[in-house]
Amino acid sequence: MRLTIDTETDTYEQAIAAVQAAYGLRPVVPADWPEAAAADPCPAPRDLSCEDIGDGWSDQLLFQLLASLTPGARAVLRRITDLGGTASYEDVQRYFADHPTTPIPPSKIGGTLTSVRAVQRHVGPATAGRLLQLDERARLYRIDRPLVEGLTRAFALADARPDLLRGEQASRVT
């Protein structure tokens, strides 16, 4: 049997009643049963799945990766994700050369993306290959399809909660 008690929304009395019911006891329900507090309407990383979506990655791990990246690396990873997981070196360089909010000179794109590998070593699955693959011959950046879908979900949470990201303003979206 598995019993889950949410300490942020369930009251003490509700938790005790749930444990008693789980053990087959008849809980005494007070006449003035208190209402649980309203749930926080803001999404959180725990709202993402921890199921393996490919190569040991989960939606939660992908969000942790995004949250740990510098804003520039996150912007480049988002661009590649938005393009379906494949983009040429030249397209990425051109896009960010004169970007209005995150300009990155073409000579710095490679260095910016080095942080993706560095962060992956710290928060990614130990056995995972590179999240962002580089094809030197074809001059392409590539991300596997299941990971693109997971990154899309992680970016959606990042849009809703920019306060959880490194280098972003600490404003809470309500």
Protein backbone atom coordinates (compact mmCIF):
# COMPACT_ATOMS: atom_id res chain seq x y z
CA MET A 1 0.00 0.00 0.00
CA ARG A 2 1.18 3.51 -0.74
CA LEU A 3 -0.09 6.53 1.18
CA THR A 4 0.65 10.05 0.03
CA ILE A 5 0.15 13.06 2.25
CA ASP A 6 0.83 16.49 0.82
CA THR A 7 2.14 18.51 3.75
CA GLU A 8 1.55 21.74 1.86
CA THR A 9 -2.19 21.19 1.26
CA ASP A 10 -3.42 18.52 3.70
CA THR A 11 -4.14 19.45 7.31
CA TYR A 12 -2.81 17.50 10.26
CA GLU A 13 -6.25 16.08 10.96
CA GLN A 14 -6.63 14.93 7.36
CA ALA A 15 -3.23 13.24 7.46
CA ILE A 16 -4.05 11.37 10.70
CA ALA A 17 -7.43 10.31 9.29
CA ALA A 18 -5.75 9.01 6.12
CA VAL A 19 -3.23 6.95 8.13
CA GLN A 20 -6.00 5.54 10.33
CA ALA A 21 -8.09 4.64 7.28
CA ALA A 22 -5.06 3.00 5.63
CA TYR A 23 -4.69 0.70 8.64
CA GLY A 24 -8.39 -0.15 8.69
CA LEU A 25 -9.22 2.00 11.68
CA ARG A 26 -12.30 4.13 11.70
CA PRO A 27 -11.07 7.69 11.94
CA VAL A 28 -12.91 10.11 14.14
CA VAL A 29 -13.92 12.94 11.86
CA PRO A 30 -14.36 16.22 13.72
CA ALA A 31 -17.64 18.04 13.13
CA ASP A 32 -15.76 21.14 12.07
CA TRP A 33 -13.41 19.40 9.59
CA PRO A 34 -10.95 22.07 8.49
CA GLU A 35 -10.55 22.76 4.80
CA ALA A 36 -7.14 22.16 3.30
CA ALA A 37 -5.27 25.20 2.11
CA ALA A 38 -5.63 26.04 -1.56
CA ALA A 39 -2.90 24.54 -3.70
CA ASP A 40 -0.21 26.85 -5.05
CA PRO A 41 -1.36 27.70 -8.60
CA CYS A 42 2.21 28.07 -9.83
CA PRO A 43 3.74 24.99 -11.44
CA ALA A 44 6.93 23.58 -9.98
CA PRO A 45 9.60 21.13 -11.18
CA ARG A 46 7.90 18.39 -9.15
CA ASP A 47 4.95 18.75 -11.57
CA LEU A 48 7.16 17.28 -14.29
CA SER A 49 7.55 13.55 -14.75
CA CYS A 50 10.48 11.64 -13.29
CA GLU A 51 9.93 8.75 -15.75
CA ASP A 52 12.77 7.90 -18.14
CA ILE A 53 12.03 9.42 -21.55
CA GLY A 54 15.30 8.38 -23.15
CA ASP A 55 18.91 7.70 -22.26
CA GLY A 56 18.18 8.09 -18.54
CA TRP A 57 16.69 11.58 -18.91
CA SER A 58 13.39 12.58 -17.32
CA ASP A 59 11.42 15.80 -17.65
CA GLN A 60 12.58 16.79 -14.14
CA LEU A 61 16.26 16.26 -15.03
CA LEU A 62 15.86 18.24 -18.24
CA PHE A 63 14.36 21.10 -16.24
CA GLN A 64 17.25 20.94 -13.75
CA LEU A 65 19.63 21.18 -16.70
CA LEU A 66 17.79 24.23 -18.09
CA ALA A 67 17.67 25.90 -14.69
CA SER A 68 21.44 25.46 -14.29
CA LEU A 69 22.46 26.81 -17.70
CA THR A 70 23.57 30.34 -18.37
CA PRO A 71 20.90 32.43 -20.12
CA GLY A 72 22.88 32.34 -23.40
CA ALA A 73 23.27 28.56 -23.43
CA ARG A 74 19.61 28.17 -22.49
CA ALA A 75 18.58 30.45 -25.37
CA VAL A 76 20.63 28.45 -27.90
CA LEU A 77 19.28 25.14 -26.59
CA ARG A 78 15.76 26.53 -26.84
CA ARG A 79 16.32 27.64 -30.43
CA ILE A 80 17.49 24.16 -31.41
CA THR A 81 14.55 22.64 -29.52
CA ASP A 82 12.09 25.00 -31.24
CA LEU A 83 13.51 23.92 -34.61
CA GLY A 84 12.59 20.30 -33.84
CA GLY A 85 15.99 19.25 -32.50
CA THR A 86 18.16 19.86 -35.57
CA ALA A 87 19.84 23.08 -36.64
CA SER A 88 22.89 23.93 -38.69
CA TYR A 89 25.81 25.73 -37.12
CA GLU A 90 25.30 28.62 -39.55
CA ASP A 91 21.58 29.01 -38.77
CA VAL A 92 22.27 29.18 -35.04
CA GLN A 93 25.13 31.63 -35.51
CA ARG A 94 23.05 33.89 -37.76
CA TYR A 95 20.07 33.80 -35.41
CA PHE A 96 22.07 34.91 -32.38
CA ALA A 97 24.49 37.32 -34.09
CA ASP A 98 21.96 40.18 -33.89
CA HIS A 99 19.47 38.71 -31.42
CA PRO A 100 17.62 41.52 -29.59
CA THR A 101 17.82 40.04 -26.07
CA THR A 102 20.62 37.45 -26.20
CA PRO A 103 23.21 38.46 -28.79
CA ILE A 104 26.04 35.94 -29.10
CA PRO A 105 28.86 36.56 -31.57
CA PRO A 106 29.30 33.65 -34.03
CA SER A 107 32.75 32.94 -32.60
CA LYS A 108 31.24 32.41 -29.12
CA ILE A 109 28.40 29.95 -29.89
CA GLY A 110 30.64 26.90 -29.41
CA GLY A 111 31.90 28.18 -26.07
CA THR A 112 28.39 29.04 -24.98
CA LEU A 113 27.26 25.48 -25.70
CA THR A 114 30.23 24.00 -23.85
CA SER A 115 28.32 24.83 -20.68
CA VAL A 116 25.56 22.39 -21.75
CA ARG A 117 28.07 19.53 -21.54
CA ALA A 118 29.48 20.82 -18.26
CA VAL A 119 26.05 21.12 -16.64
CA GLN A 120 25.02 17.73 -18.03
CA ARG A 121 27.95 16.13 -16.21
CA HIS A 122 26.58 17.49 -12.93
CA VAL A 123 22.81 17.05 -13.25
CA GLY A 124 22.36 14.56 -16.08
CA PRO A 125 22.18 10.78 -15.90
CA ALA A 126 25.61 9.23 -15.41
CA THR A 127 25.25 6.86 -18.36
CA ALA A 128 23.70 9.31 -20.82
CA GLY A 129 25.37 10.32 -24.03
CA ARG A 130 25.44 13.96 -24.99
CA LEU A 131 22.07 15.66 -24.87
CA LEU A 132 23.18 18.11 -27.54
CA GLN A 133 25.01 16.15 -30.21
CA LEU A 134 27.40 17.83 -32.62
CA ASP A 135 27.85 16.47 -36.13
CA GLU A 136 31.08 18.11 -37.28
CA ARG A 137 30.91 16.70 -40.85
CA ALA A 138 27.33 17.83 -41.49
CA ARG A 139 27.82 20.94 -39.32
CA LEU A 140 24.63 20.23 -37.35
CA TYR A 141 23.45 20.39 -33.77
CA ARG A 142 21.04 17.56 -32.97
CA ILE A 143 18.86 16.44 -30.04
CA ASP A 144 17.00 13.11 -30.04
CA ARG A 145 13.21 13.39 -30.60
CA PRO A 146 12.06 12.15 -27.13
CA LEU A 147 14.44 14.62 -25.49
CA VAL A 148 13.13 17.46 -27.69
CA GLU A 149 9.65 16.69 -26.41
CA GLY A 150 10.92 16.65 -22.81
CA LEU A 151 12.80 19.91 -23.33
CA THR A 152 9.61 21.45 -24.74
CA ARG A 153 7.80 20.56 -21.50
CA ALA A 154 10.73 21.84 -19.42
CA PHE A 155 10.79 25.14 -21.34
CA ALA A 156 7.03 25.50 -20.77
CA LEU A 157 7.65 25.31 -17.02
CA ALA A 158 10.59 27.72 -17.37
CA ASP A 159 8.27 30.19 -19.14
CA ALA A 160 5.75 29.89 -16.31
CA ARG A 161 8.38 30.09 -13.55
CA PRO A 162 11.39 32.16 -14.72
CA ASP A 163 12.26 32.72 -11.05
CA LEU A 164 13.55 29.11 -10.95
CA LEU A 165 16.20 29.75 -13.61
CA ARG A 166 19.82 30.79 -13.20
CA GLY A 167 20.39 34.39 -14.22
CA GLU A 168 16.70 35.27 -14.56
CA GLN A 169 14.75 37.84 -12.63
CA ALA A 170 13.31 36.48 -9.40
CA SER A 171 9.75 37.47 -10.18
CA ARG A 172 6.97 35.03 -9.42
CA VAL A 173 4.32 34.58 -12.07
CA THR A 174 0.84 34.26 -10.61
